[in-house]
Amino acid sequence: YKITLSDGTRVWVNAQSNLKFPAQFPKNERRVSLEGEAYFEVAHDAKKPFFVESKAGEIKVLGTHFNVFAYHDDIRATLVEGKVEVRQQENKLELNPGEFASLSKNNMIKGSADIQQDLAWHNNEFYFKKETIVNIAHQLSRWYDLDVKFRGNVQLNKEYSGSIQRDVKLSQVLEMLSYVSNLRFEIHGKELIIENKS
């Protein structure tokens, strides 16, 4: 979903994500709360800093483009343009374009981001780069609203790479995955079963 906030900030919200924001921001700051994933293009206003809150910490922004992945107690922020400050209690990290920060319980790290991978959902594609079938299945379950079950002795640590547009049918995504792996995919209602090809 694409949303324009009252200050002109544009936000793309990923599937199964929850963004809370006021109808109008107060005079001194702009603050939103995110559970899930969203891409922000924040309208510049030096007098009203923009904050994204999550369970793991918060991000302070003046005007920038960035992605936030904040599920449960983890948060990952990837900066595309501008500057952001990631905070967890008294700890702070400043990001430059092309960097990411990852926060979990009492742990903050920063590094070089794979922009294509981190923004794949925003660019309407599935992009897998050395991803395990567990991570791939997790993305599919969120996007297509499925419960995933593994059956038999599926090799869970084998890595796969590839990309495909998100607006294709699930059957086409599974066909591609089946082609590059030794896995078979079956759908029963809202359940996706993954097993080895016999």
Protein backbone atom coordinates (compact mmCIF):
# COMPACT_ATOMS: atom_id res chain seq x y z
CA TYR A 1 0.00 0.00 0.00
CA LYS A 2 1.18 3.53 -0.76
CA ILE A 3 0.26 6.26 1.73
CA THR A 4 0.94 10.02 1.75
CA LEU A 5 1.10 11.42 5.29
CA SER A 6 -0.14 14.89 6.27
CA ASP A 7 3.39 16.40 5.91
CA GLY A 8 3.81 15.05 2.35
CA THR A 9 5.97 12.06 3.37
CA ARG A 10 5.31 9.08 1.11
CA VAL A 11 5.28 5.58 2.59
CA TRP A 12 5.03 2.19 0.87
CA VAL A 13 3.87 -0.45 3.36
CA ASN A 14 4.67 -4.11 2.73
CA ALA A 15 2.23 -7.02 3.15
CA GLN A 16 1.28 -7.99 6.72
CA SER A 17 2.68 -4.74 8.13
CA ASN A 18 1.11 -2.20 10.46
CA LEU A 19 1.89 1.54 10.32
CA LYS A 20 0.36 3.88 12.93
CA PHE A 21 0.41 7.64 12.37
CA PRO A 22 -1.67 10.68 13.44
CA ALA A 23 -4.07 12.44 11.06
CA GLN A 24 -2.01 15.60 11.69
CA PHE A 25 1.48 15.81 13.21
CA PRO A 26 2.06 18.15 16.20
CA LYS A 27 4.24 21.26 15.74
CA ASN A 28 7.52 19.95 17.17
CA GLU A 29 7.99 16.47 15.62
CA ARG A 30 6.62 13.80 13.29
CA ARG A 31 6.34 10.31 14.78
CA VAL A 32 5.03 7.02 13.34
CA SER A 33 5.06 3.47 14.67
CA LEU A 34 5.87 0.44 12.49
CA GLU A 35 5.44 -3.29 12.94
CA GLY A 36 6.53 -4.92 9.68
CA GLU A 37 8.25 -3.37 6.66
CA ALA A 38 7.94 0.00 4.96
CA TYR A 39 9.85 2.26 2.57
CA PHE A 40 9.86 5.96 3.44
CA GLU A 41 10.45 9.07 1.33
CA VAL A 42 10.40 11.64 4.12
CA ALA A 43 9.41 15.23 3.31
CA HIS A 44 12.21 17.56 4.41
CA ASP A 45 11.47 19.74 7.45
CA ALA A 46 14.55 20.51 9.58
CA LYS A 47 12.37 21.98 12.37
CA LYS A 48 10.25 18.83 12.70
CA PRO A 49 12.36 15.68 12.88
CA PHE A 50 10.70 12.47 11.69
CA PHE A 51 10.82 9.35 13.91
CA VAL A 52 10.00 5.73 13.08
CA GLU A 53 9.39 3.73 16.26
CA SER A 54 9.47 -0.05 16.60
CA LYS A 55 9.80 -2.54 19.45
CA ALA A 56 13.59 -2.76 19.00
CA GLY A 57 14.38 0.97 18.77
CA GLU A 58 13.74 4.10 16.73
CA ILE A 59 15.07 5.93 13.70
CA LYS A 60 15.45 9.71 13.60
CA VAL A 61 15.26 11.38 10.19
CA LEU A 62 15.42 14.90 8.77
CA GLY A 63 14.70 14.15 5.11
CA THR A 64 15.65 10.96 3.33
CA HIS A 65 14.75 7.72 1.53
CA PHE A 66 15.11 4.51 3.52
CA ASN A 67 13.67 1.06 4.17
CA VAL A 68 12.71 -0.29 7.58
CA PHE A 69 12.20 -3.97 8.38
CA ALA A 70 10.80 -4.18 11.93
CA TYR A 71 9.23 -7.50 12.79
CA HIS A 72 8.95 -8.55 16.45
CA ASP A 73 12.05 -7.45 18.41
CA ASP A 74 14.36 -6.93 15.41
CA ILE A 75 14.79 -3.90 13.19
CA ARG A 76 16.87 -3.40 10.05
CA ALA A 77 17.15 0.02 8.43
CA THR A 78 18.68 0.47 4.98
CA LEU A 79 19.51 4.00 3.85
CA VAL A 80 19.18 4.90 0.16
CA GLU A 81 19.53 8.68 0.30
CA GLY A 82 20.13 11.32 2.99
CA LYS A 83 21.04 10.56 6.60
CA VAL A 84 19.37 8.75 9.50
CA GLU A 85 20.23 8.04 13.10
CA VAL A 86 19.26 4.68 14.56
CA ARG A 87 18.71 4.59 18.32
CA GLN A 88 18.34 1.87 20.92
CA GLN A 89 18.05 3.29 24.43
CA GLU A 90 21.26 5.40 24.88
CA ASN A 91 23.07 3.82 21.91
CA LYS A 92 23.12 5.60 18.53
CA LEU A 93 24.37 4.78 15.02
CA GLU A 94 24.45 7.21 12.10
CA LEU A 95 23.96 5.79 8.60
CA ASN A 96 25.23 7.07 5.26
CA PRO A 97 23.66 6.08 1.90
CA GLY A 98 24.28 2.42 1.07
CA GLU A 99 24.59 1.36 4.72
CA PHE A 100 22.30 -0.67 6.95
CA ALA A 101 21.87 -0.91 10.71
CA SER A 102 20.50 -3.99 12.42
CA LEU A 103 19.13 -3.89 15.96
CA SER A 104 18.05 -6.74 18.17
CA LYS A 105 17.93 -7.01 21.96
CA ASN A 106 20.85 -4.91 23.25
CA ASN A 107 22.79 -5.38 20.00
CA MET A 108 23.45 -2.88 17.19
CA ILE A 109 25.53 -3.50 14.08
CA LYS A 110 26.15 -1.48 10.92
CA GLY A 111 27.49 -2.48 7.51
CA SER A 112 27.27 -2.15 3.72
CA ALA A 113 23.78 -2.90 2.43
CA ASP A 114 22.71 -4.90 -0.59
CA ILE A 115 20.25 -2.25 -1.81
CA GLN A 116 18.75 -4.49 -4.50
CA GLN A 117 17.99 -7.19 -1.96
CA ASP A 118 16.70 -4.88 0.79
CA LEU A 119 14.44 -2.93 -1.60
CA ALA A 120 13.28 -5.86 -3.73
CA TRP A 121 9.74 -5.80 -2.27
CA HIS A 122 9.53 -2.01 -2.89
CA ASN A 123 10.66 -2.59 -6.50
CA ASN A 124 7.97 -5.27 -6.86
CA GLU A 125 10.25 -8.28 -7.09
CA PHE A 126 11.32 -11.32 -5.15
CA TYR A 127 15.10 -11.19 -5.10
CA PHE A 128 16.92 -14.11 -3.52
CA LYS A 129 20.68 -13.94 -3.08
CA LYS A 130 22.12 -16.95 -1.28
CA GLU A 131 18.84 -17.41 0.63
CA THR A 132 17.80 -20.63 2.33
CA ILE A 133 14.45 -22.20 1.49
CA VAL A 134 13.33 -21.24 5.02
CA ASN A 135 13.89 -17.52 4.33
CA ILE A 136 12.32 -17.80 0.87
CA ALA A 137 9.28 -19.60 2.29
CA HIS A 138 8.95 -16.90 4.96
CA GLN A 139 8.77 -14.18 2.26
CA LEU A 140 6.23 -16.17 0.23
CA SER A 141 4.07 -16.81 3.30
CA ARG A 142 3.87 -13.06 4.05
CA TRP A 143 3.22 -11.98 0.45
CA TYR A 144 0.69 -14.68 -0.46
CA ASP A 145 -0.76 -15.14 3.08
CA LEU A 146 0.14 -18.84 3.37
CA ASP A 147 1.11 -21.25 6.12
CA VAL A 148 4.28 -23.11 5.13
CA LYS A 149 5.02 -26.70 6.14
CA PHE A 150 8.15 -28.73 5.36
CA ARG A 151 7.64 -32.45 4.80
CA GLY A 152 10.34 -35.09 4.88
CA ASN A 153 14.07 -34.46 4.88
CA VAL A 154 14.27 -31.05 3.16
CA GLN A 155 17.79 -29.58 3.15
CA LEU A 156 17.12 -26.32 5.05
CA ASN A 157 20.59 -24.75 4.80
CA LYS A 158 21.06 -25.01 1.00
CA GLU A 159 21.20 -21.54 -0.60
CA TYR A 160 19.39 -20.27 -3.72
CA SER A 161 19.64 -17.15 -5.85
CA GLY A 162 17.29 -15.62 -8.42
CA SER A 163 14.64 -12.96 -8.97
CA ILE A 164 11.07 -12.80 -10.26
CA GLN A 165 8.40 -10.10 -10.35
CA ARG A 166 5.98 -10.08 -7.40
CA ASP A 167 2.89 -9.51 -9.52
CA VAL A 168 3.08 -12.99 -11.06
CA LYS A 169 0.92 -15.86 -9.85
CA LEU A 170 2.19 -17.94 -6.97
CA SER A 171 2.29 -20.96 -9.30
CA GLN A 172 4.90 -19.19 -11.48
CA VAL A 173 7.11 -18.40 -8.45
CA LEU A 174 6.89 -22.02 -7.31
CA GLU A 175 7.64 -23.23 -10.83
CA MET A 176 10.84 -21.14 -10.86
CA LEU A 177 11.86 -22.42 -7.42
CA SER A 178 11.15 -26.00 -8.44
CA TYR A 179 13.32 -25.52 -11.55
CA VAL A 180 16.38 -24.33 -9.59
CA SER A 181 16.00 -26.73 -6.66
CA ASN A 182 15.34 -30.36 -5.89
CA LEU A 183 12.07 -29.39 -4.20
CA ARG A 184 8.40 -29.98 -4.90
CA PHE A 185 5.71 -27.49 -3.87
CA GLU A 186 2.05 -28.31 -3.23
CA ILE A 187 -0.73 -25.91 -2.27
CA HIS A 188 -3.71 -27.09 -0.25
CA GLY A 189 -6.00 -24.14 0.45
CA LYS A 190 -3.87 -21.69 2.48
CA GLU A 191 -1.12 -24.22 3.13
CA LEU A 192 2.10 -24.52 1.13
CA ILE A 193 3.85 -27.87 1.54
CA ILE A 194 7.54 -28.11 0.57
CA GLU A 195 9.22 -31.50 0.16
CA ASN A 196 12.03 -33.15 -1.80
CA LYS A 197 11.30 -34.37 -5.31
CA SER A 198 11.11 -38.15 -5.24
